[in-house]
Structures are given as structure tokens and as C-alpha cells.
Amino acid sequence: TQDQAEKFHRRLHNALLRAQTQSEP
């Protein structure tokens, strides 16, 4: 469904943002 596709995209985007701001590798 569209909701599932959008849910995955949010998780992917949030994972990239966390990786950008975290101090550890």
C-alpha cells in the first residue's frame, strides 16, 4: 500500500538523519 511505502521512506530518511548527527561511526 501507499501507507507502507511512505512508512519505509520515513524510516530510511530518519536513519540517514541519525547517522548524520551521531558522534560515533
PDB file of all heavy atoms in Angstrom:
ATOM      1  N   THR A   1       0.831  -1.205   0.000  1.00  0.00           N
ATOM      2  CA  THR A   1       0.000   0.000   0.000  1.00  0.00           C
ATOM      3  C   THR A   1       0.865   1.254   0.000  1.00  0.00           C
ATOM      4  O   THR A   1       2.061   1.220   0.315  1.00  0.00           O
ATOM      5  CB  THR A   1      -0.914   0.038   1.232  1.00  0.00           C
ATOM      6  OG1 THR A   1      -0.102   0.191   2.409  1.00  0.00           O
ATOM      7  CG2 THR A   1      -1.739  -1.239   1.358  1.00  0.00           C
ATOM      8  N   GLN A   2       0.239   2.372  -0.308  1.00  0.00           N
ATOM      9  CA  GLN A   2       0.932   3.656  -0.279  1.00  0.00           C
ATOM     10  C   GLN A   2       1.406   3.982   1.134  1.00  0.00           C
ATOM     11  O   GLN A   2       2.523   4.502   1.319  1.00  0.00           O
ATOM     12  CB  GLN A   2       0.006   4.756  -0.793  1.00  0.00           C
ATOM     13  CG  GLN A   2       0.625   6.142  -0.805  1.00  0.00           C
ATOM     14  CD  GLN A   2      -0.346   7.202  -1.317  1.00  0.00           C
ATOM     15  OE1 GLN A   2      -1.295   6.885  -2.018  1.00  0.00           O
ATOM     16  NE2 GLN A   2      -0.116   8.454  -0.965  1.00  0.00           N
ATOM     17  N   ASP A   3       0.591   3.685   2.142  1.00  0.00           N
ATOM     18  CA  ASP A   3       0.983   3.952   3.523  1.00  0.00           C
ATOM     19  C   ASP A   3       2.254   3.192   3.899  1.00  0.00           C
ATOM     20  O   ASP A   3       3.139   3.727   4.580  1.00  0.00           O
ATOM     21  CB  ASP A   3      -0.143   3.563   4.483  1.00  0.00           C
ATOM     22  CG  ASP A   3      -1.299   4.548   4.443  1.00  0.00           C
ATOM     23  OD1 ASP A   3      -1.111   5.666   3.943  1.00  0.00           O
ATOM     24  OD2 ASP A   3      -2.396   4.191   4.917  1.00  0.00           O
ATOM     25  N   GLN A   4       2.357   1.931   3.478  1.00  0.00           N
ATOM     26  CA  GLN A   4       3.549   1.142   3.782  1.00  0.00           C
ATOM     27  C   GLN A   4       4.773   1.706   3.077  1.00  0.00           C
ATOM     28  O   GLN A   4       5.864   1.767   3.660  1.00  0.00           O
ATOM     29  CB  GLN A   4       3.328  -0.320   3.369  1.00  0.00           C
ATOM     30  CG  GLN A   4       2.326  -1.062   4.237  1.00  0.00           C
ATOM     31  CD  GLN A   4       1.987  -2.432   3.685  1.00  0.00           C
ATOM     32  OE1 GLN A   4       1.970  -2.650   2.473  1.00  0.00           O
ATOM     33  NE2 GLN A   4       1.705  -3.372   4.571  1.00  0.00           N
ATOM     34  N   ALA A   5       4.611   2.117   1.824  1.00  0.00           N
ATOM     35  CA  ALA A   5       5.732   2.697   1.079  1.00  0.00           C
ATOM     36  C   ALA A   5       6.213   3.984   1.736  1.00  0.00           C
ATOM     37  O   ALA A   5       7.423   4.224   1.877  1.00  0.00           O
ATOM     38  CB  ALA A   5       5.321   2.953  -0.367  1.00  0.00           C
ATOM     39  N   GLU A   6       5.277   4.820   2.167  1.00  0.00           N
ATOM     40  CA  GLU A   6       5.652   6.066   2.825  1.00  0.00           C
ATOM     41  C   GLU A   6       6.284   5.794   4.192  1.00  0.00           C
ATOM     42  O   GLU A   6       7.200   6.516   4.607  1.00  0.00           O
ATOM     43  CB  GLU A   6       4.430   6.960   2.965  1.00  0.00           C
ATOM     44  CG  GLU A   6       3.907   7.489   1.635  1.00  0.00           C
ATOM     45  CD  GLU A   6       2.745   8.451   1.818  1.00  0.00           C
ATOM     46  OE1 GLU A   6       2.553   8.948   2.938  1.00  0.00           O
ATOM     47  OE2 GLU A   6       2.026   8.699   0.839  1.00  0.00           O
ATOM     48  N   LYS A   7       5.806   4.777   4.879  1.00  0.00           N
ATOM     49  CA  LYS A   7       6.384   4.412   6.175  1.00  0.00           C
ATOM     50  C   LYS A   7       7.838   4.005   6.021  1.00  0.00           C
ATOM     51  O   LYS A   7       8.706   4.428   6.805  1.00  0.00           O
ATOM     52  CB  LYS A   7       5.580   3.265   6.795  1.00  0.00           C
ATOM     53  CG  LYS A   7       6.116   2.786   8.140  1.00  0.00           C
ATOM     54  CD  LYS A   7       5.259   1.636   8.673  1.00  0.00           C
ATOM     55  CE  LYS A   7       5.793   1.114  10.013  1.00  0.00           C
ATOM     56  NZ  LYS A   7       4.957  -0.017  10.519  1.00  0.00           N
ATOM     57  N   PHE A   8       8.133   3.196   5.002  1.00  0.00           N
ATOM     58  CA  PHE A   8       9.524   2.804   4.781  1.00  0.00           C
ATOM     59  C   PHE A   8      10.388   4.015   4.454  1.00  0.00           C
ATOM     60  O   PHE A   8      11.517   4.137   4.955  1.00  0.00           O
ATOM     61  CB  PHE A   8       9.638   1.776   3.654  1.00  0.00           C
ATOM     62  CG  PHE A   8      11.073   1.461   3.307  1.00  0.00           C
ATOM     63  CD1 PHE A   8      11.798   0.580   4.089  1.00  0.00           C
ATOM     64  CD2 PHE A   8      11.701   2.082   2.238  1.00  0.00           C
ATOM     65  CE1 PHE A   8      13.136   0.320   3.812  1.00  0.00           C
ATOM     66  CE2 PHE A   8      13.026   1.825   1.949  1.00  0.00           C
ATOM     67  CZ  PHE A   8      13.741   0.942   2.734  1.00  0.00           C
ATOM     68  N   HIS A   9       9.871   4.912   3.617  1.00  0.00           N
ATOM     69  CA  HIS A   9      10.668   6.086   3.258  1.00  0.00           C
ATOM     70  C   HIS A   9      10.978   6.934   4.486  1.00  0.00           C
ATOM     71  O   HIS A   9      12.102   7.437   4.622  1.00  0.00           O
ATOM     72  CB  HIS A   9       9.946   6.938   2.223  1.00  0.00           C
ATOM     73  CG  HIS A   9      10.695   8.191   1.870  1.00  0.00           C
ATOM     74  ND1 HIS A   9      11.870   8.171   1.160  1.00  0.00           N
ATOM     75  CD2 HIS A   9      10.456   9.498   2.182  1.00  0.00           C
ATOM     76  CE1 HIS A   9      12.321   9.406   1.028  1.00  0.00           C
ATOM     77  NE2 HIS A   9      11.482  10.226   1.642  1.00  0.00           N
ATOM     78  N   ARG A  10      10.011   7.089   5.391  1.00  0.00           N
ATOM     79  CA  ARG A  10      10.272   7.855   6.618  1.00  0.00           C
ATOM     80  C   ARG A  10      11.363   7.191   7.451  1.00  0.00           C
ATOM     81  O   ARG A  10      12.244   7.873   7.995  1.00  0.00           O
ATOM     82  CB  ARG A  10       8.986   7.992   7.436  1.00  0.00           C
ATOM     83  CG  ARG A  10       7.959   8.948   6.845  1.00  0.00           C
ATOM     84  CD  ARG A  10       6.874   9.289   7.858  1.00  0.00           C
ATOM     85  NE  ARG A  10       6.136   8.102   8.286  1.00  0.00           N
ATOM     86  CZ  ARG A  10       5.051   7.646   7.676  1.00  0.00           C
ATOM     87  NH1 ARG A  10       4.573   8.271   6.609  1.00  0.00           N
ATOM     88  NH2 ARG A  10       4.417   6.576   8.140  1.00  0.00           N
ATOM     89  N   ARG A  11      11.294   5.872   7.556  1.00  0.00           N
ATOM     90  CA  ARG A  11      12.330   5.163   8.329  1.00  0.00           C
ATOM     91  C   ARG A  11      13.703   5.329   7.704  1.00  0.00           C
ATOM     92  O   ARG A  11      14.704   5.531   8.396  1.00  0.00           O
ATOM     93  CB  ARG A  11      11.978   3.677   8.418  1.00  0.00           C
ATOM     94  CG  ARG A  11      10.855   3.360   9.390  1.00  0.00           C
ATOM     95  CD  ARG A  11      10.786   1.873   9.648  1.00  0.00           C
ATOM     96  NE  ARG A  11       9.698   1.521  10.550  1.00  0.00           N
ATOM     97  CZ  ARG A  11       9.425   0.289  10.944  1.00  0.00           C
ATOM     98  NH1 ARG A  11      10.165  -0.720  10.480  1.00  0.00           N
ATOM     99  NH2 ARG A  11       8.427   0.043  11.769  1.00  0.00           N
ATOM    100  N   LEU A  12      13.763   5.245   6.378  1.00  0.00           N
ATOM    101  CA  LEU A  12      15.041   5.418   5.681  1.00  0.00           C
ATOM    102  C   LEU A  12      15.573   6.826   5.906  1.00  0.00           C
ATOM    103  O   LEU A  12      16.765   7.017   6.220  1.00  0.00           O
ATOM    104  CB  LEU A  12      14.852   5.143   4.191  1.00  0.00           C
ATOM    105  CG  LEU A  12      16.044   5.445   3.289  1.00  0.00           C
ATOM    106  CD1 LEU A  12      17.203   4.503   3.615  1.00  0.00           C
ATOM    107  CD2 LEU A  12      15.658   5.325   1.817  1.00  0.00           C
ATOM    108  N   HIS A  13      14.712   7.819   5.748  1.00  0.00           N
ATOM    109  CA  HIS A  13      15.137   9.210   5.901  1.00  0.00           C
ATOM    110  C   HIS A  13      15.602   9.483   7.328  1.00  0.00           C
ATOM    111  O   HIS A  13      16.630  10.145   7.552  1.00  0.00           O
ATOM    112  CB  HIS A  13      13.982  10.129   5.519  1.00  0.00           C
ATOM    113  CG  HIS A  13      14.392  11.558   5.352  1.00  0.00           C
ATOM    114  ND1 HIS A  13      14.073  12.540   6.256  1.00  0.00           N
ATOM    115  CD2 HIS A  13      15.103  12.178   4.371  1.00  0.00           C
ATOM    116  CE1 HIS A  13      14.562  13.693   5.855  1.00  0.00           C
ATOM    117  NE2 HIS A  13      15.191  13.512   4.716  1.00  0.00           N
ATOM    118  N   ASN A  14      14.875   8.952   8.311  1.00  0.00           N
ATOM    119  CA  ASN A  14      15.272   9.138   9.710  1.00  0.00           C
ATOM    120  C   ASN A  14      16.594   8.447  10.019  1.00  0.00           C
ATOM    121  O   ASN A  14      17.411   8.961  10.799  1.00  0.00           O
ATOM    122  CB  ASN A  14      14.179   8.606  10.641  1.00  0.00           C
ATOM    123  CG  ASN A  14      12.932   9.468  10.618  1.00  0.00           C
ATOM    124  OD1 ASN A  14      12.996  10.638  10.237  1.00  0.00           O
ATOM    125  ND2 ASN A  14      11.806   8.910  11.028  1.00  0.00           N
ATOM    126  N   ALA A  15      16.810   7.285   9.419  1.00  0.00           N
ATOM    127  CA  ALA A  15      18.081   6.569   9.637  1.00  0.00           C
ATOM    128  C   ALA A  15      19.251   7.382   9.096  1.00  0.00           C
ATOM    129  O   ALA A  15      20.322   7.444   9.722  1.00  0.00           O
ATOM    130  CB  ALA A  15      18.022   5.198   8.961  1.00  0.00           C
ATOM    131  N   LEU A  16      19.058   8.030   7.953  1.00  0.00           N
ATOM    132  CA  LEU A  16      20.117   8.870   7.386  1.00  0.00           C
ATOM    133  C   LEU A  16      20.365  10.097   8.260  1.00  0.00           C
ATOM    134  O   LEU A  16      21.527  10.498   8.469  1.00  0.00           O
ATOM    135  CB  LEU A  16      19.743   9.298   5.972  1.00  0.00           C
ATOM    136  CG  LEU A  16      19.746   8.185   4.912  1.00  0.00           C
ATOM    137  CD1 LEU A  16      19.067   8.663   3.639  1.00  0.00           C
ATOM    138  CD2 LEU A  16      21.168   7.734   4.604  1.00  0.00           C
ATOM    139  N   LEU A  17      19.301  10.693   8.794  1.00  0.00           N
ATOM    140  CA  LEU A  17      19.463  11.867   9.664  1.00  0.00           C
ATOM    141  C   LEU A  17      20.197  11.497  10.957  1.00  0.00           C
ATOM    142  O   LEU A  17      21.060  12.254  11.431  1.00  0.00           O
ATOM    143  CB  LEU A  17      18.097  12.467   9.987  1.00  0.00           C
ATOM    144  CG  LEU A  17      17.360  13.170   8.846  1.00  0.00           C
ATOM    145  CD1 LEU A  17      15.999  13.653   9.324  1.00  0.00           C
ATOM    146  CD2 LEU A  17      18.185  14.341   8.311  1.00  0.00           C
ATOM    147  N   ARG A  18      19.853  10.341  11.531  1.00  0.00           N
ATOM    148  CA  ARG A  18      20.556   9.899  12.748  1.00  0.00           C
ATOM    149  C   ARG A  18      22.031   9.681  12.476  1.00  0.00           C
ATOM    150  O   ARG A  18      22.900  10.076  13.279  1.00  0.00           O
ATOM    151  CB  ARG A  18      19.910   8.622  13.287  1.00  0.00           C
ATOM    152  CG  ARG A  18      18.632   8.839  14.061  1.00  0.00           C
ATOM    153  CD  ARG A  18      18.242   7.600  14.847  1.00  0.00           C
ATOM    154  NE  ARG A  18      17.948   6.477  13.969  1.00  0.00           N
ATOM    155  CZ  ARG A  18      16.747   6.200  13.484  1.00  0.00           C
ATOM    156  NH1 ARG A  18      15.721   6.982  13.796  1.00  0.00           N
ATOM    157  NH2 ARG A  18      16.559   5.164  12.702  1.00  0.00           N
ATOM    158  N   ALA A  19      22.326   9.046  11.360  1.00  0.00           N
ATOM    159  CA  ALA A  19      23.728   8.787  11.022  1.00  0.00           C
ATOM    160  C   ALA A  19      24.502  10.086  10.794  1.00  0.00           C
ATOM    161  O   ALA A  19      25.691  10.179  11.113  1.00  0.00           O
ATOM    162  CB  ALA A  19      23.799   7.903   9.778  1.00  0.00           C
ATOM    163  N   GLN A  20      23.819  11.092  10.272  1.00  0.00           N
ATOM    164  CA  GLN A  20      24.467  12.377  10.018  1.00  0.00           C
ATOM    165  C   GLN A  20      24.832  13.094  11.310  1.00  0.00           C
ATOM    166  O   GLN A  20      25.877  13.748  11.397  1.00  0.00           O
ATOM    167  CB  GLN A  20      23.530  13.253   9.170  1.00  0.00           C
ATOM    168  CG  GLN A  20      23.905  14.713   9.068  1.00  0.00           C
ATOM    169  CD  GLN A  20      25.165  14.945   8.245  1.00  0.00           C
ATOM    170  OE1 GLN A  20      25.598  14.073   7.509  1.00  0.00           O
ATOM    171  NE2 GLN A  20      25.747  16.136   8.374  1.00  0.00           N
ATOM    172  N   THR A  21      24.000  12.986  12.332  1.00  0.00           N
ATOM    173  CA  THR A  21      24.185  13.778  13.549  1.00  0.00           C
ATOM    174  C   THR A  21      24.882  13.028  14.685  1.00  0.00           C
ATOM    175  O   THR A  21      25.299  13.650  15.655  1.00  0.00           O
ATOM    176  CB  THR A  21      22.825  14.277  14.056  1.00  0.00           C
ATOM    177  OG1 THR A  21      21.953  13.156  14.254  1.00  0.00           O
ATOM    178  CG2 THR A  21      22.196  15.225  13.044  1.00  0.00           C
ATOM    179  N   GLN A  22      25.007  11.701  14.593  1.00  0.00           N
ATOM    180  CA  GLN A  22      25.619  10.967  15.692  1.00  0.00           C
ATOM    181  C   GLN A  22      27.131  11.165  15.710  1.00  0.00           C
ATOM    182  O   GLN A  22      27.763  11.425  14.676  1.00  0.00           O
ATOM    183  CB  GLN A  22      25.289   9.474  15.584  1.00  0.00           C
ATOM    184  CG  GLN A  22      25.938   8.763  14.407  1.00  0.00           C
ATOM    185  CD  GLN A  22      25.404   7.350  14.218  1.00  0.00           C
ATOM    186  OE1 GLN A  22      24.247   7.052  14.517  1.00  0.00           O
ATOM    187  NE2 GLN A  22      26.261   6.463  13.732  1.00  0.00           N
ATOM    188  N   SER A  23      27.706  11.070  16.886  1.00  0.00           N
ATOM    189  CA  SER A  23      29.146  11.295  17.028  1.00  0.00           C
ATOM    190  C   SER A  23      29.954  10.040  16.722  1.00  0.00           C
ATOM    191  O   SER A  23      31.086  10.128  16.246  1.00  0.00           O
ATOM    192  CB  SER A  23      29.464  11.760  18.460  1.00  0.00           C
ATOM    193  OG  SER A  23      28.968  10.816  19.409  1.00  0.00           O
ATOM    194  N   GLU A  24      29.356   8.854  16.964  1.00  0.00           N
ATOM    195  CA  GLU A  24      30.085   7.612  16.705  1.00  0.00           C
ATOM    196  C   GLU A  24      29.935   7.200  15.239  1.00  0.00           C
ATOM    197  O   GLU A  24      29.029   7.653  14.541  1.00  0.00           O
ATOM    198  CB  GLU A  24      29.583   6.493  17.623  1.00  0.00           C
ATOM    199  CG  GLU A  24      28.138   6.062  17.397  1.00  0.00           C
ATOM    200  CD  GLU A  24      27.145   6.898  18.182  1.00  0.00           C
ATOM    201  OE1 GLU A  24      27.546   7.960  18.689  1.00  0.00           O
ATOM    202  OE2 GLU A  24      25.971   6.485  18.265  1.00  0.00           O
ATOM    203  N   PRO A  25      30.822   6.328  14.756  1.00  0.00           N
ATOM    204  CA  PRO A  25      30.748   5.859  13.363  1.00  0.00           C
ATOM    205  C   PRO A  25      29.456   5.088  13.101  1.00  0.00           C
ATOM    206  O   PRO A  25      28.797   4.602  14.024  1.00  0.00           O
ATOM    207  CB  PRO A  25      31.967   4.940  13.229  1.00  0.00           C
ATOM    208  CG  PRO A  25      32.879   5.312  14.357  1.00  0.00           C
ATOM    209  CD  PRO A  25      32.001   5.773  15.466  1.00  0.00           C
TER     210      PRO A  25
END
